Amino acid sequence: MVIIALVTASLAAGGVFAIVLSPPPSPCSGVTGATRAFTIIEDLTGYNGSKSHTGSWPVVTVQRCDNVVFVVVNNDTQSHGFAVASYSNVGLELVGGARQTLKFQATRTGQFQIYCTIPCSVHPLMLNGLLSVT
């Protein structure tokens, strides 16, 4: 009888903890945003020719709850990375000639840095991209 009471109390407590500790629902629950796809070319000119741009480049704008798809193509022989602050901090690692896709839903509004995660010869050219979620 004592064992049954302990098991019942443990299950009840676990249920309470699950409710208290579960993450809040996504602000985009039940919302079907548009799919926005972008291609990022990595090469000796940075991301999409960022070497010849001042300020943030590339600049990508989406709406909150949109599904964002980045197709990243490394046209260089050295490895490069690709990450989006708050959405994919670890990001992608692409060896020379590789192509990868990063997908996420833009659930937070604001401006988020797009950047390379792997130091390379053109690394400074790959640190100033911008994702703007309105």
N, C-alpha and C. Protein backbone atom coordinates (compact mmCIF):
# COMPACT_ATOMS: atom_id res chain seq x y z
N MET A 1 0.82 -1.17 0.00
CA MET A 1 0.00 0.00 0.00
C MET A 1 0.88 1.26 0.00
N VAL A 2 1.94 1.23 0.79
CA VAL A 2 2.85 2.36 0.85
C VAL A 2 3.52 2.56 -0.51
N ILE A 3 3.89 1.46 -1.15
CA ILE A 3 4.55 1.55 -2.45
C ILE A 3 3.60 2.16 -3.48
N ILE A 4 2.35 1.76 -3.46
CA ILE A 4 1.37 2.31 -4.40
C ILE A 4 1.21 3.81 -4.16
N ALA A 5 1.18 4.21 -2.90
CA ALA A 5 1.04 5.63 -2.57
C ALA A 5 2.26 6.42 -3.06
N LEU A 6 3.46 5.86 -2.90
CA LEU A 6 4.67 6.53 -3.36
C LEU A 6 4.71 6.66 -4.88
N VAL A 7 4.32 5.59 -5.58
CA VAL A 7 4.29 5.63 -7.04
C VAL A 7 3.27 6.65 -7.52
N THR A 8 2.10 6.66 -6.90
CA THR A 8 1.06 7.62 -7.27
C THR A 8 1.53 9.05 -7.03
N ALA A 9 2.17 9.30 -5.90
CA ALA A 9 2.68 10.64 -5.58
C ALA A 9 3.77 11.04 -6.56
N SER A 10 4.65 10.10 -6.92
CA SER A 10 5.72 10.40 -7.87
C SER A 10 5.16 10.73 -9.25
N LEU A 11 4.17 9.97 -9.69
CA LEU A 11 3.56 10.24 -10.99
C LEU A 11 2.86 11.60 -10.99
N ALA A 12 2.18 11.89 -9.91
CA ALA A 12 1.49 13.18 -9.82
C ALA A 12 2.50 14.33 -9.83
N ALA A 13 3.57 14.19 -9.09
CA ALA A 13 4.60 15.22 -9.04
C ALA A 13 5.26 15.37 -10.41
N GLY A 14 5.51 14.25 -11.09
CA GLY A 14 6.11 14.30 -12.42
C GLY A 14 5.22 15.03 -13.40
N GLY A 15 3.92 14.79 -13.30
CA GLY A 15 2.97 15.49 -14.17
C GLY A 15 3.00 16.98 -13.92
N VAL A 16 3.09 17.38 -12.65
CA VAL A 16 3.15 18.80 -12.30
C VAL A 16 4.45 19.39 -12.83
N PHE A 17 5.57 18.68 -12.65
CA PHE A 17 6.84 19.18 -13.15
C PHE A 17 6.83 19.31 -14.67
N ALA A 18 6.21 18.36 -15.35
CA ALA A 18 6.15 18.42 -16.80
C ALA A 18 5.39 19.66 -17.26
N ILE A 19 4.35 20.01 -16.56
CA ILE A 19 3.57 21.19 -16.92
C ILE A 19 4.35 22.46 -16.60
N VAL A 20 4.98 22.50 -15.43
CA VAL A 20 5.71 23.69 -15.01
C VAL A 20 6.96 23.91 -15.85
N LEU A 21 7.67 22.83 -16.20
CA LEU A 21 8.94 22.95 -16.89
C LEU A 21 8.85 22.88 -18.41
N SER A 22 7.69 22.62 -18.96
CA SER A 22 7.59 22.53 -20.42
C SER A 22 7.71 23.93 -21.02
N PRO A 23 8.33 24.03 -22.20
CA PRO A 23 8.50 25.34 -22.82
C PRO A 23 7.16 25.92 -23.25
N PRO A 24 7.08 27.23 -23.34
CA PRO A 24 5.82 27.84 -23.79
C PRO A 24 5.58 27.49 -25.25
N PRO A 25 4.34 27.53 -25.70
CA PRO A 25 4.08 27.22 -27.09
C PRO A 25 4.72 28.26 -28.01
N SER A 26 5.02 27.84 -29.22
CA SER A 26 5.62 28.74 -30.20
C SER A 26 4.66 29.88 -30.50
N PRO A 27 5.17 31.12 -30.66
CA PRO A 27 4.29 32.23 -31.02
C PRO A 27 3.67 32.05 -32.41
N CYS A 28 4.17 31.08 -33.15
CA CYS A 28 3.65 30.83 -34.50
C CYS A 28 2.79 29.57 -34.57
N SER A 29 2.40 29.03 -33.41
CA SER A 29 1.55 27.84 -33.41
C SER A 29 0.27 28.12 -34.18
N GLY A 30 -0.04 27.26 -35.11
CA GLY A 30 -1.26 27.41 -35.89
C GLY A 30 -1.16 28.43 -37.02
N VAL A 31 0.00 29.06 -37.19
CA VAL A 31 0.18 30.05 -38.25
C VAL A 31 1.02 29.42 -39.36
N THR A 32 0.55 29.53 -40.58
CA THR A 32 1.30 29.03 -41.70
C THR A 32 1.90 30.22 -42.44
N GLY A 33 3.17 30.45 -42.19
CA GLY A 33 3.85 31.55 -42.88
C GLY A 33 4.28 31.13 -44.27
N ALA A 34 4.65 32.10 -45.05
CA ALA A 34 5.17 31.82 -46.39
C ALA A 34 6.55 31.19 -46.28
N THR A 35 6.95 30.46 -47.30
CA THR A 35 8.31 29.92 -47.36
C THR A 35 9.16 30.90 -48.16
N ARG A 36 10.24 31.36 -47.55
CA ARG A 36 11.17 32.30 -48.19
C ARG A 36 12.51 31.60 -48.36
N ALA A 37 12.94 31.43 -49.60
CA ALA A 37 14.19 30.72 -49.89
C ALA A 37 15.25 31.69 -50.41
N PHE A 38 16.47 31.50 -49.94
CA PHE A 38 17.59 32.36 -50.31
C PHE A 38 18.80 31.48 -50.61
N THR A 39 19.59 31.89 -51.58
CA THR A 39 20.82 31.17 -51.91
C THR A 39 22.00 32.03 -51.47
N ILE A 40 22.89 31.42 -50.73
CA ILE A 40 24.12 32.09 -50.28
C ILE A 40 25.30 31.40 -50.96
N ILE A 41 26.08 32.17 -51.68
CA ILE A 41 27.29 31.65 -52.33
C ILE A 41 28.50 32.07 -51.51
N GLU A 42 29.28 31.09 -51.07
CA GLU A 42 30.51 31.35 -50.33
C GLU A 42 31.69 31.18 -51.29
N ASP A 43 32.52 32.21 -51.37
CA ASP A 43 33.73 32.11 -52.19
C ASP A 43 34.73 33.17 -51.71
N LEU A 44 35.74 33.45 -52.50
CA LEU A 44 36.78 34.39 -52.07
C LEU A 44 36.29 35.84 -52.01
N THR A 45 35.06 36.10 -52.43
CA THR A 45 34.48 37.44 -52.31
C THR A 45 33.51 37.52 -51.14
N GLY A 46 33.52 36.50 -50.28
CA GLY A 46 32.65 36.49 -49.09
C GLY A 46 31.33 35.80 -49.37
N TYR A 47 30.26 36.30 -48.72
CA TYR A 47 28.91 35.80 -48.95
C TYR A 47 28.27 36.65 -50.04
N ASN A 48 27.93 36.06 -51.16
CA ASN A 48 27.25 36.77 -52.26
C ASN A 48 27.95 38.08 -52.62
N GLY A 49 29.28 38.02 -52.67
CA GLY A 49 30.04 39.21 -53.07
C GLY A 49 30.13 40.28 -52.00
N SER A 50 30.07 39.90 -50.74
CA SER A 50 30.10 40.89 -49.65
C SER A 50 31.36 41.74 -49.65
N LYS A 51 32.41 41.29 -50.31
CA LYS A 51 33.66 42.06 -50.38
C LYS A 51 33.42 43.43 -51.01
N SER A 52 32.51 43.52 -51.95
CA SER A 52 32.27 44.79 -52.65
C SER A 52 31.10 45.59 -52.05
N HIS A 53 30.67 45.23 -50.86
CA HIS A 53 29.58 45.96 -50.19
C HIS A 53 30.07 46.53 -48.87
N THR A 54 29.56 47.70 -48.52
CA THR A 54 29.84 48.25 -47.19
C THR A 54 28.61 47.99 -46.32
N GLY A 55 28.84 47.88 -45.04
CA GLY A 55 27.72 47.60 -44.13
C GLY A 55 27.32 46.14 -44.19
N SER A 56 26.12 45.87 -43.74
CA SER A 56 25.62 44.49 -43.70
C SER A 56 25.39 43.96 -45.10
N TRP A 57 25.86 42.72 -45.33
CA TRP A 57 25.61 42.05 -46.60
C TRP A 57 25.88 40.57 -46.45
N PRO A 58 25.02 39.71 -46.92
CA PRO A 58 23.74 39.98 -47.53
C PRO A 58 22.68 40.37 -46.50
N VAL A 59 21.67 41.07 -46.95
CA VAL A 59 20.54 41.46 -46.09
C VAL A 59 19.31 40.71 -46.58
N VAL A 60 18.69 39.98 -45.66
CA VAL A 60 17.54 39.15 -45.97
C VAL A 60 16.39 39.59 -45.08
N THR A 61 15.21 39.82 -45.66
CA THR A 61 14.06 40.25 -44.88
C THR A 61 12.92 39.24 -45.03
N VAL A 62 12.35 38.85 -43.89
CA VAL A 62 11.21 37.93 -43.87
C VAL A 62 10.20 38.45 -42.85
N GLN A 63 9.02 37.86 -42.87
CA GLN A 63 7.99 38.18 -41.89
C GLN A 63 8.03 37.16 -40.76
N ARG A 64 7.62 37.58 -39.58
CA ARG A 64 7.53 36.65 -38.45
C ARG A 64 6.60 35.50 -38.84
N CYS A 65 6.97 34.32 -38.50
CA CYS A 65 6.29 33.05 -38.78
C CYS A 65 6.55 32.50 -40.17
N ASP A 66 7.34 33.20 -41.00
CA ASP A 66 7.73 32.65 -42.28
C ASP A 66 8.67 31.47 -42.06
N ASN A 67 8.66 30.54 -42.99
CA ASN A 67 9.61 29.44 -43.00
C ASN A 67 10.78 29.89 -43.86
N VAL A 68 11.97 29.91 -43.28
CA VAL A 68 13.16 30.43 -43.94
C VAL A 68 14.02 29.25 -44.39
N VAL A 69 14.45 29.31 -45.65
CA VAL A 69 15.30 28.26 -46.21
C VAL A 69 16.53 28.94 -46.82
N PHE A 70 17.70 28.62 -46.27
CA PHE A 70 18.96 29.08 -46.85
C PHE A 70 19.62 27.89 -47.54
N VAL A 71 19.87 28.03 -48.83
CA VAL A 71 20.67 27.06 -49.57
C VAL A 71 22.06 27.68 -49.64
N VAL A 72 23.03 27.03 -49.02
CA VAL A 72 24.39 27.58 -48.93
C VAL A 72 25.31 26.73 -49.80
N VAL A 73 26.01 27.40 -50.71
CA VAL A 73 26.90 26.73 -51.65
C VAL A 73 28.31 27.26 -51.45
N ASN A 74 29.24 26.37 -51.15
CA ASN A 74 30.63 26.76 -50.98
C ASN A 74 31.36 26.55 -52.31
N ASN A 75 31.60 27.64 -53.04
CA ASN A 75 32.31 27.57 -54.32
C ASN A 75 33.81 27.75 -54.16
N ASP A 76 34.29 27.66 -52.95
CA ASP A 76 35.71 27.82 -52.65
C ASP A 76 36.32 26.44 -52.40
N THR A 77 37.64 26.39 -52.29
CA THR A 77 38.31 25.12 -51.97
C THR A 77 38.49 24.94 -50.47
N GLN A 78 38.43 26.04 -49.71
CA GLN A 78 38.57 25.94 -48.25
C GLN A 78 37.19 25.85 -47.60
N SER A 79 37.18 25.40 -46.36
CA SER A 79 35.92 25.27 -45.63
C SER A 79 35.41 26.63 -45.17
N HIS A 80 34.09 26.77 -45.13
CA HIS A 80 33.43 27.95 -44.62
C HIS A 80 32.25 27.51 -43.76
N GLY A 81 31.79 28.42 -42.92
CA GLY A 81 30.62 28.14 -42.09
C GLY A 81 29.49 29.07 -42.46
N PHE A 82 28.32 28.78 -41.89
CA PHE A 82 27.15 29.64 -42.09
C PHE A 82 26.24 29.47 -40.88
N ALA A 83 25.94 30.60 -40.23
CA ALA A 83 25.07 30.56 -39.05
C ALA A 83 24.20 31.81 -39.02
N VAL A 84 23.09 31.71 -38.31
CA VAL A 84 22.18 32.84 -38.10
C VAL A 84 21.96 32.95 -36.59
N ALA A 85 22.35 34.09 -36.03
CA ALA A 85 22.25 34.29 -34.58
C ALA A 85 20.83 34.02 -34.10
N SER A 86 20.71 33.36 -32.98
CA SER A 86 19.45 33.00 -32.32
C SER A 86 18.66 31.90 -33.02
N TYR A 87 18.92 31.65 -34.27
CA TYR A 87 18.20 30.60 -34.98
C TYR A 87 19.06 29.38 -35.24
N SER A 88 20.33 29.57 -35.48
CA SER A 88 21.24 28.46 -35.75
C SER A 88 22.65 28.89 -35.38
N ASN A 89 22.90 29.04 -34.08
CA ASN A 89 24.21 29.53 -33.63
C ASN A 89 25.35 28.58 -33.97
N VAL A 90 25.08 27.29 -33.97
CA VAL A 90 26.12 26.32 -34.33
C VAL A 90 26.32 26.37 -35.84
N GLY A 91 25.25 26.46 -36.58
CA GLY A 91 25.32 26.64 -38.02
C GLY A 91 25.77 25.43 -38.80
N LEU A 92 26.15 25.71 -40.02
CA LEU A 92 26.60 24.68 -40.96
C LEU A 92 28.10 24.78 -41.15
N GLU A 93 28.72 23.66 -41.47
CA GLU A 93 30.12 23.64 -41.86
C GLU A 93 30.19 23.03 -43.25
N LEU A 94 30.72 23.79 -44.19
CA LEU A 94 30.76 23.33 -45.57
C LEU A 94 32.20 23.23 -46.05
N VAL A 95 32.62 22.04 -46.42
CA VAL A 95 33.93 21.87 -47.03
C VAL A 95 33.87 22.42 -48.45
N GLY A 96 35.02 22.63 -49.06
CA GLY A 96 35.06 23.16 -50.42
C GLY A 96 34.18 22.36 -51.37
N GLY A 97 33.36 23.06 -52.14
CA GLY A 97 32.48 22.43 -53.11
C GLY A 97 31.16 21.90 -52.56
N ALA A 98 30.94 22.01 -51.26
CA ALA A 98 29.73 21.46 -50.65
C ALA A 98 28.53 22.39 -50.79
N ARG A 99 27.37 21.79 -50.62
CA ARG A 99 26.09 22.51 -50.67
C ARG A 99 25.23 21.94 -49.55
N GLN A 100 24.68 22.84 -48.70
CA GLN A 100 23.82 22.40 -47.60
C GLN A 100 22.63 23.34 -47.48
N THR A 101 21.61 22.87 -46.77
CA THR A 101 20.40 23.67 -46.57
C THR A 101 20.16 23.85 -45.08
N LEU A 102 19.82 25.08 -44.70
CA LEU A 102 19.45 25.41 -43.33
C LEU A 102 18.00 25.90 -43.36
N LYS A 103 17.14 25.26 -42.54
CA LYS A 103 15.72 25.62 -42.50
C LYS A 103 15.30 25.92 -41.07
N PHE A 104 14.46 26.94 -40.90
CA PHE A 104 13.87 27.24 -39.60
C PHE A 104 12.67 28.14 -39.79
N GLN A 105 11.86 28.26 -38.74
CA GLN A 105 10.73 29.19 -38.76
C GLN A 105 11.15 30.45 -38.01
N ALA A 106 10.91 31.60 -38.60
CA ALA A 106 11.28 32.89 -38.00
C ALA A 106 10.24 33.26 -36.94
N THR A 107 10.47 32.85 -35.72
CA THR A 107 9.49 33.05 -34.65
C THR A 107 9.70 34.34 -33.87
N ARG A 108 10.87 34.96 -33.99
CA ARG A 108 11.17 36.19 -33.24
C ARG A 108 11.41 37.35 -34.20
N THR A 109 10.87 38.50 -33.85
CA THR A 109 11.14 39.69 -34.67
C THR A 109 12.46 40.31 -34.23
N GLY A 110 13.08 41.03 -35.14
CA GLY A 110 14.34 41.70 -34.83
C GLY A 110 15.33 41.52 -35.95
N GLN A 111 16.57 41.90 -35.66
CA GLN A 111 17.65 41.76 -36.62
C GLN A 111 18.67 40.78 -36.07
N PHE A 112 19.06 39.82 -36.89
CA PHE A 112 19.91 38.72 -36.46
C PHE A 112 21.10 38.60 -37.42
N GLN A 113 22.28 38.52 -36.84
CA GLN A 113 23.51 38.46 -37.62
C GLN A 113 23.61 37.14 -38.38
N ILE A 114 24.02 37.22 -39.62
CA ILE A 114 24.40 36.06 -40.43
C ILE A 114 25.92 36.07 -40.48
N TYR A 115 26.55 34.94 -40.15
CA TYR A 115 28.00 34.96 -40.02
C TYR A 115 28.62 33.59 -40.27
N CYS A 116 29.91 33.62 -40.55
CA CYS A 116 30.71 32.42 -40.74
C CYS A 116 31.22 31.93 -39.38
N THR A 117 31.24 30.64 -39.22
CA THR A 117 31.69 30.05 -37.95
C THR A 117 33.08 29.44 -38.03
N ILE A 118 33.72 29.51 -39.21
CA ILE A 118 35.03 28.89 -39.41
C ILE A 118 36.02 29.95 -39.89
N PRO A 119 37.07 30.22 -39.11
CA PRO A 119 38.09 31.18 -39.57
C PRO A 119 38.74 30.69 -40.87
N CYS A 120 38.86 31.60 -41.81
CA CYS A 120 39.46 31.27 -43.10
C CYS A 120 40.11 32.55 -43.65
N SER A 121 40.63 32.49 -44.86
CA SER A 121 41.34 33.64 -45.43
C SER A 121 40.43 34.83 -45.69
N VAL A 122 39.13 34.62 -45.87
CA VAL A 122 38.19 35.72 -46.14
C VAL A 122 37.15 35.87 -45.02
N HIS A 123 37.47 35.33 -43.86
CA HIS A 123 36.53 35.32 -42.72
C HIS A 123 35.92 36.69 -42.41
N PRO A 124 36.71 37.77 -42.37
CA PRO A 124 36.11 39.08 -42.06
C PRO A 124 35.01 39.51 -43.03
N LEU A 125 35.03 38.98 -44.26
CA LEU A 125 34.01 39.32 -45.25
C LEU A 125 32.70 38.58 -45.02
N MET A 126 32.72 37.62 -44.08
CA MET A 126 31.56 36.75 -43.86
C MET A 126 31.00 36.90 -42.45
N LEU A 127 31.07 38.09 -41.91
CA LEU A 127 30.61 38.29 -40.53
C LEU A 127 29.48 39.31 -40.42
N ASN A 128 29.08 39.91 -41.51
CA ASN A 128 28.16 41.05 -41.41
C ASN A 128 26.85 40.88 -42.16
N GLY A 129 26.41 39.63 -42.38
CA GLY A 129 25.10 39.44 -42.98
C GLY A 129 24.01 39.78 -41.99
N LEU A 130 22.80 39.96 -42.48
CA LEU A 130 21.70 40.36 -41.60
C LEU A 130 20.40 39.71 -42.03
N LEU A 131 19.74 39.07 -41.07
CA LEU A 131 18.39 38.58 -41.24
C LEU A 131 17.49 39.52 -40.48
N SER A 132 16.56 40.16 -41.19
CA SER A 132 15.60 41.07 -40.56
C SER A 132 14.24 40.41 -40.56
N VAL A 133 13.69 40.21 -39.36
CA VAL A 133 12.37 39.58 -39.21
C VAL A 133 11.41 40.66 -38.73
N THR A 134 10.42 40.99 -39.57
CA THR A 134 9.47 42.07 -39.23
C THR A 134 8.12 41.52 -38.83
